[in-house]
Amino acid sequence: MTVVQIADKREKGPVTREKKERAEAPKEVLYDDFPSGEEVARKLIKQYHTHLATAGIVYACRDKAQKRSGVPSPGYVKKLSPELRYAFADKVKGDELPHFLLVIALEVWNGMAPNQRTAVIDHLLTRMVGEEDEKNGQMKWKLRPPEVQEFAEVAERNGKWNPELEHMADSLEGK
């Protein structure tokens, strides 16, 4: 009979212990109301997004940006669940419960030019869609993804290889 000793995985060596000691506790993310973003959005809704005139949108900012593939994201939009609609009810005007939460990362926003700030808000508003339910006349709110998602190197090698890229290229001509 052979006896094999199995090391206790719970014992940590000095290197592992040092890493744990050096690791910082996660920093708290701070959220607040975002009236300046709401002001930009109201102008855009009036001019380009009239379908959102009756949508309840809560505008918020956070101090730190979320990262996507290591790149700080300027903001995001979420469709609110029934529970969150109730929780955010005091954040919108009127009797309607809110439908969306639009969040901007101040860490990115503060370094942007005014036209870039407008473009971020415009992008997030464009993701919001409302369709009238034919049965009851109520608006159904949802989020849509951007039309184009592509890597620069694929476009460089293959050009406008699909209709979405062709449309995007046509939209950018003269800009």
C-alpha atoms as a PDB file:
ATOM      1  CA  MET A   1       0.000   0.000   0.000  1.00  0.00           C
ATOM      2  CA  THR A   2       1.335   3.433  -0.992  1.00  0.00           C
ATOM      3  CA  VAL A   3       0.504   6.492   1.048  1.00  0.00           C
ATOM      4  CA  VAL A   4       0.144   9.760  -0.856  1.00  0.00           C
ATOM      5  CA  GLN A   5       0.042  13.010   1.023  1.00  0.00           C
ATOM      6  CA  ILE A   6      -2.215  15.653  -0.447  1.00  0.00           C
ATOM      7  CA  ALA A   7      -1.332  19.233   0.355  1.00  0.00           C
ATOM      8  CA  ASP A   8      -4.054  21.264   1.976  1.00  0.00           C
ATOM      9  CA  LYS A   9      -5.158  23.744  -0.675  1.00  0.00           C
ATOM     10  CA  ARG A  10      -6.245  26.138   2.018  1.00  0.00           C
ATOM     11  CA  GLU A  11      -2.679  26.777   3.119  1.00  0.00           C
ATOM     12  CA  LYS A  12      -1.353  29.805   1.347  1.00  0.00           C
ATOM     13  CA  GLY A  13       2.281  30.518   0.696  1.00  0.00           C
ATOM     14  CA  PRO A  14       3.882  33.904   1.346  1.00  0.00           C
ATOM     15  CA  VAL A  15       3.415  35.051  -2.277  1.00  0.00           C
ATOM     16  CA  THR A  16      -0.347  34.406  -2.240  1.00  0.00           C
ATOM     17  CA  ARG A  17      -0.687  36.103   1.124  1.00  0.00           C
ATOM     18  CA  GLU A  18       1.175  39.198  -0.123  1.00  0.00           C
ATOM     19  CA  LYS A  19      -1.106  39.469  -3.168  1.00  0.00           C
ATOM     20  CA  LYS A  20      -4.184  39.338  -0.975  1.00  0.00           C
ATOM     21  CA  GLU A  21      -2.774  41.972   1.353  1.00  0.00           C
ATOM     22  CA  ARG A  22      -1.946  44.267  -1.588  1.00  0.00           C
ATOM     23  CA  ALA A  23      -5.366  43.888  -3.181  1.00  0.00           C
ATOM     24  CA  GLU A  24      -7.506  46.890  -2.413  1.00  0.00           C
ATOM     25  CA  ALA A  25     -11.110  46.653  -1.436  1.00  0.00           C
ATOM     26  CA  PRO A  26     -13.406  47.547  -4.345  1.00  0.00           C
ATOM     27  CA  LYS A  27     -14.069  51.271  -4.444  1.00  0.00           C
ATOM     28  CA  GLU A  28     -17.624  52.422  -4.057  1.00  0.00           C
ATOM     29  CA  VAL A  29     -19.251  53.865  -7.168  1.00  0.00           C
ATOM     30  CA  LEU A  30     -21.124  57.088  -6.526  1.00  0.00           C
ATOM     31  CA  TYR A  31     -24.385  57.862  -8.363  1.00  0.00           C
ATOM     32  CA  ASP A  32     -26.302  61.121  -8.588  1.00  0.00           C
ATOM     33  CA  ASP A  33     -29.015  62.874 -10.577  1.00  0.00           C
ATOM     34  CA  PHE A  34     -27.849  64.250 -13.928  1.00  0.00           C
ATOM     35  CA  PRO A  35     -29.800  67.398 -14.860  1.00  0.00           C
ATOM     36  CA  SER A  36     -27.262  68.583 -17.471  1.00  0.00           C
ATOM     37  CA  GLY A  37     -27.602  65.275 -19.336  1.00  0.00           C
ATOM     38  CA  GLU A  38     -31.368  65.524 -19.077  1.00  0.00           C
ATOM     39  CA  GLU A  39     -31.231  68.995 -20.617  1.00  0.00           C
ATOM     40  CA  VAL A  40     -29.246  67.696 -23.611  1.00  0.00           C
ATOM     41  CA  ALA A  41     -31.642  64.757 -23.948  1.00  0.00           C
ATOM     42  CA  ARG A  42     -34.763  66.950 -23.885  1.00  0.00           C
ATOM     43  CA  LYS A  43     -33.433  68.983 -26.836  1.00  0.00           C
ATOM     44  CA  LEU A  44     -32.593  65.802 -28.763  1.00  0.00           C
ATOM     45  CA  ILE A  45     -35.969  64.222 -27.994  1.00  0.00           C
ATOM     46  CA  LYS A  46     -37.760  67.324 -29.249  1.00  0.00           C
ATOM     47  CA  GLN A  47     -35.710  67.403 -32.455  1.00  0.00           C
ATOM     48  CA  TYR A  48     -34.926  63.757 -33.339  1.00  0.00           C
ATOM     49  CA  HIS A  49     -36.575  61.357 -30.893  1.00  0.00           C
ATOM     50  CA  THR A  50     -40.190  62.514 -30.741  1.00  0.00           C
ATOM     51  CA  HIS A  51     -41.266  58.896 -30.180  1.00  0.00           C
ATOM     52  CA  LEU A  52     -39.727  59.235 -26.688  1.00  0.00           C
ATOM     53  CA  ALA A  53     -41.819  62.276 -25.718  1.00  0.00           C
ATOM     54  CA  THR A  54     -44.025  60.119 -23.476  1.00  0.00           C
ATOM     55  CA  ALA A  55     -41.266  57.793 -22.243  1.00  0.00           C
ATOM     56  CA  GLY A  56     -40.304  58.052 -18.613  1.00  0.00           C
ATOM     57  CA  ILE A  57     -36.519  58.374 -18.508  1.00  0.00           C
ATOM     58  CA  VAL A  58     -34.442  58.637 -15.350  1.00  0.00           C
ATOM     59  CA  TYR A  59     -31.128  60.456 -15.876  1.00  0.00           C
ATOM     60  CA  ALA A  60     -28.227  59.575 -13.606  1.00  0.00           C
ATOM     61  CA  CYS A  61     -24.463  59.859 -13.526  1.00  0.00           C
ATOM     62  CA  ARG A  62     -21.794  57.795 -11.857  1.00  0.00           C
ATOM     63  CA  ASP A  63     -18.277  58.841 -10.978  1.00  0.00           C
ATOM     64  CA  LYS A  64     -16.460  55.803 -12.448  1.00  0.00           C
ATOM     65  CA  ALA A  65     -16.924  54.327 -15.911  1.00  0.00           C
ATOM     66  CA  GLN A  66     -17.725  50.692 -16.490  1.00  0.00           C
ATOM     67  CA  LYS A  67     -15.206  49.010 -18.754  1.00  0.00           C
ATOM     68  CA  ARG A  68     -16.002  46.938 -21.811  1.00  0.00           C
ATOM     69  CA  SER A  69     -13.015  44.956 -23.037  1.00  0.00           C
ATOM     70  CA  GLY A  70     -10.817  47.217 -20.928  1.00  0.00           C
ATOM     71  CA  VAL A  71     -12.146  50.439 -22.491  1.00  0.00           C
ATOM     72  CA  PRO A  72     -14.102  52.892 -20.298  1.00  0.00           C
ATOM     73  CA  SER A  73     -17.698  53.194 -21.494  1.00  0.00           C
ATOM     74  CA  PRO A  74     -19.183  56.719 -21.513  1.00  0.00           C
ATOM     75  CA  GLY A  75     -22.619  55.475 -20.499  1.00  0.00           C
ATOM     76  CA  TYR A  76     -25.409  52.980 -20.838  1.00  0.00           C
ATOM     77  CA  VAL A  77     -29.165  52.693 -20.870  1.00  0.00           C
ATOM     78  CA  LYS A  78     -31.347  50.060 -19.207  1.00  0.00           C
ATOM     79  CA  LYS A  79     -34.997  49.183 -19.552  1.00  0.00           C
ATOM     80  CA  LEU A  80     -36.377  49.196 -16.038  1.00  0.00           C
ATOM     81  CA  SER A  81     -38.010  46.153 -14.501  1.00  0.00           C
ATOM     82  CA  PRO A  82     -41.399  46.642 -12.798  1.00  0.00           C
ATOM     83  CA  GLU A  83     -39.668  46.764  -9.407  1.00  0.00           C
ATOM     84  CA  LEU A  84     -37.203  49.423 -10.507  1.00  0.00           C
ATOM     85  CA  ARG A  85     -39.951  51.389 -12.239  1.00  0.00           C
ATOM     86  CA  TYR A  86     -41.665  51.643  -8.862  1.00  0.00           C
ATOM     87  CA  ALA A  87     -38.393  52.458  -7.060  1.00  0.00           C
ATOM     88  CA  PHE A  88     -37.627  55.312  -9.487  1.00  0.00           C
ATOM     89  CA  ALA A  89     -41.212  56.641  -9.603  1.00  0.00           C
ATOM     90  CA  ASP A  90     -40.262  59.891  -7.850  1.00  0.00           C
ATOM     91  CA  LYS A  91     -37.543  60.631 -10.443  1.00  0.00           C
ATOM     92  CA  VAL A  92     -39.873  61.478 -13.345  1.00  0.00           C
ATOM     93  CA  LYS A  93     -42.556  64.101 -13.732  1.00  0.00           C
ATOM     94  CA  GLY A  94     -46.203  63.148 -13.992  1.00  0.00           C
ATOM     95  CA  ASP A  95     -48.093  60.022 -13.010  1.00  0.00           C
ATOM     96  CA  GLU A  96     -46.269  57.686 -15.400  1.00  0.00           C
ATOM     97  CA  LEU A  97     -43.696  55.292 -13.994  1.00  0.00           C
ATOM     98  CA  PRO A  98     -40.271  55.494 -15.658  1.00  0.00           C
ATOM     99  CA  HIS A  99     -39.350  53.090 -18.453  1.00  0.00           C
ATOM    100  CA  PHE A 100     -35.604  53.632 -18.875  1.00  0.00           C
ATOM    101  CA  LEU A 101     -32.514  54.509 -16.859  1.00  0.00           C
ATOM    102  CA  LEU A 102     -29.839  56.480 -18.732  1.00  0.00           C
ATOM    103  CA  VAL A 103     -26.485  56.587 -16.918  1.00  0.00           C
ATOM    104  CA  ILE A 104     -23.435  58.647 -17.899  1.00  0.00           C
ATOM    105  CA  ALA A 105     -19.928  58.071 -16.505  1.00  0.00           C
ATOM    106  CA  LEU A 106     -18.512  61.409 -15.384  1.00  0.00           C
ATOM    107  CA  GLU A 107     -14.993  59.982 -15.610  1.00  0.00           C
ATOM    108  CA  VAL A 108     -15.435  59.938 -19.423  1.00  0.00           C
ATOM    109  CA  TRP A 109     -18.017  62.747 -19.809  1.00  0.00           C
ATOM    110  CA  ASN A 110     -15.797  65.387 -18.200  1.00  0.00           C
ATOM    111  CA  GLY A 111     -13.104  64.846 -20.833  1.00  0.00           C
ATOM    112  CA  MET A 112     -15.477  65.153 -23.790  1.00  0.00           C
ATOM    113  CA  ALA A 113     -16.145  68.103 -26.073  1.00  0.00           C
ATOM    114  CA  PRO A 114     -19.759  69.381 -26.171  1.00  0.00           C
ATOM    115  CA  ASN A 115     -20.451  67.696 -29.534  1.00  0.00           C
ATOM    116  CA  GLN A 116     -19.193  64.360 -28.156  1.00  0.00           C
ATOM    117  CA  ARG A 117     -21.456  64.708 -25.127  1.00  0.00           C
ATOM    118  CA  THR A 118     -24.426  65.332 -27.394  1.00  0.00           C
ATOM    119  CA  ALA A 119     -23.461  62.309 -29.511  1.00  0.00           C
ATOM    120  CA  VAL A 120     -23.322  60.001 -26.468  1.00  0.00           C
ATOM    121  CA  ILE A 121     -26.774  61.079 -25.277  1.00  0.00           C
ATOM    122  CA  ASP A 122     -28.102  60.798 -28.866  1.00  0.00           C
ATOM    123  CA  HIS A 123     -26.665  57.274 -29.128  1.00  0.00           C
ATOM    124  CA  LEU A 124     -28.309  56.172 -25.891  1.00  0.00           C
ATOM    125  CA  LEU A 125     -31.660  57.713 -26.819  1.00  0.00           C
ATOM    126  CA  THR A 126     -31.524  55.991 -30.206  1.00  0.00           C
ATOM    127  CA  ARG A 127     -31.367  52.639 -28.420  1.00  0.00           C
ATOM    128  CA  MET A 128     -34.793  53.339 -26.845  1.00  0.00           C
ATOM    129  CA  VAL A 129     -37.808  52.301 -28.896  1.00  0.00           C
ATOM    130  CA  GLY A 130     -41.523  52.547 -28.227  1.00  0.00           C
ATOM    131  CA  GLU A 131     -44.201  50.687 -30.161  1.00  0.00           C
ATOM    132  CA  GLU A 132     -47.926  50.989 -29.640  1.00  0.00           C
ATOM    133  CA  ASP A 133     -49.666  47.717 -28.760  1.00  0.00           C
ATOM    134  CA  GLU A 134     -52.509  47.352 -31.254  1.00  0.00           C
ATOM    135  CA  LYS A 135     -54.663  45.428 -28.766  1.00  0.00           C
ATOM    136  CA  ASN A 136     -54.754  47.914 -25.908  1.00  0.00           C
ATOM    137  CA  GLY A 137     -53.115  51.086 -27.272  1.00  0.00           C
ATOM    138  CA  GLN A 138     -50.410  50.993 -24.589  1.00  0.00           C
ATOM    139  CA  MET A 139     -46.808  51.766 -25.489  1.00  0.00           C
ATOM    140  CA  LYS A 140     -44.371  48.865 -25.331  1.00  0.00           C
ATOM    141  CA  TRP A 141     -40.857  50.054 -24.597  1.00  0.00           C
ATOM    142  CA  LYS A 142     -37.697  48.157 -25.477  1.00  0.00           C
ATOM    143  CA  LEU A 143     -34.018  48.587 -26.252  1.00  0.00           C
ATOM    144  CA  ARG A 144     -32.469  47.944 -29.625  1.00  0.00           C
ATOM    145  CA  PRO A 145     -28.823  47.201 -30.339  1.00  0.00           C
ATOM    146  CA  PRO A 146     -26.664  49.403 -32.577  1.00  0.00           C
ATOM    147  CA  GLU A 147     -26.967  48.514 -36.262  1.00  0.00           C
ATOM    148  CA  VAL A 148     -23.237  48.002 -36.781  1.00  0.00           C
ATOM    149  CA  GLN A 149     -20.754  46.113 -34.672  1.00  0.00           C
ATOM    150  CA  GLU A 150     -17.507  45.433 -36.468  1.00  0.00           C
ATOM    151  CA  PHE A 151     -13.755  45.347 -35.972  1.00  0.00           C
ATOM    152  CA  ALA A 152     -11.682  48.015 -37.727  1.00  0.00           C
ATOM    153  CA  GLU A 153      -9.257  45.422 -39.107  1.00  0.00           C
ATOM    154  CA  VAL A 154     -12.083  43.376 -40.675  1.00  0.00           C
ATOM    155  CA  ALA A 155     -13.456  46.493 -42.366  1.00  0.00           C
ATOM    156  CA  GLU A 156      -9.930  47.412 -43.467  1.00  0.00           C
ATOM    157  CA  ARG A 157      -9.410  43.991 -45.068  1.00  0.00           C
ATOM    158  CA  ASN A 158     -12.900  43.480 -46.485  1.00  0.00           C
ATOM    159  CA  GLY A 159     -14.412  46.932 -46.933  1.00  0.00           C
ATOM    160  CA  LYS A 160     -18.171  47.422 -46.766  1.00  0.00           C
ATOM    161  CA  TRP A 161     -18.890  43.698 -46.837  1.00  0.00           C
ATOM    162  CA  ASN A 162     -22.457  43.852 -45.504  1.00  0.00           C
ATOM    163  CA  PRO A 163     -25.469  46.156 -45.920  1.00  0.00           C
ATOM    164  CA  GLU A 164     -25.083  47.594 -42.406  1.00  0.00           C
ATOM    165  CA  LEU A 165     -21.520  48.733 -43.129  1.00  0.00           C
ATOM    166  CA  GLU A 166     -22.582  50.177 -46.482  1.00  0.00           C
ATOM    167  CA  HIS A 167     -25.314  52.177 -44.749  1.00  0.00           C
ATOM    168  CA  MET A 168     -22.860  53.369 -42.080  1.00  0.00           C
ATOM    169  CA  ALA A 169     -20.319  54.444 -44.704  1.00  0.00           C
ATOM    170  CA  ASP A 170     -23.013  56.331 -46.613  1.00  0.00           C
ATOM    171  CA  SER A 171     -24.066  58.044 -43.369  1.00  0.00           C
ATOM    172  CA  LEU A 172     -20.495  59.191 -42.697  1.00  0.00           C
ATOM    173  CA  GLU A 173     -19.839  60.652 -46.153  1.00  0.00           C
ATOM    174  CA  GLY A 174     -19.537  64.417 -45.984  1.00  0.00           C
ATOM    175  CA  LYS A 175     -19.164  64.507 -42.190  1.00  0.00           C
END
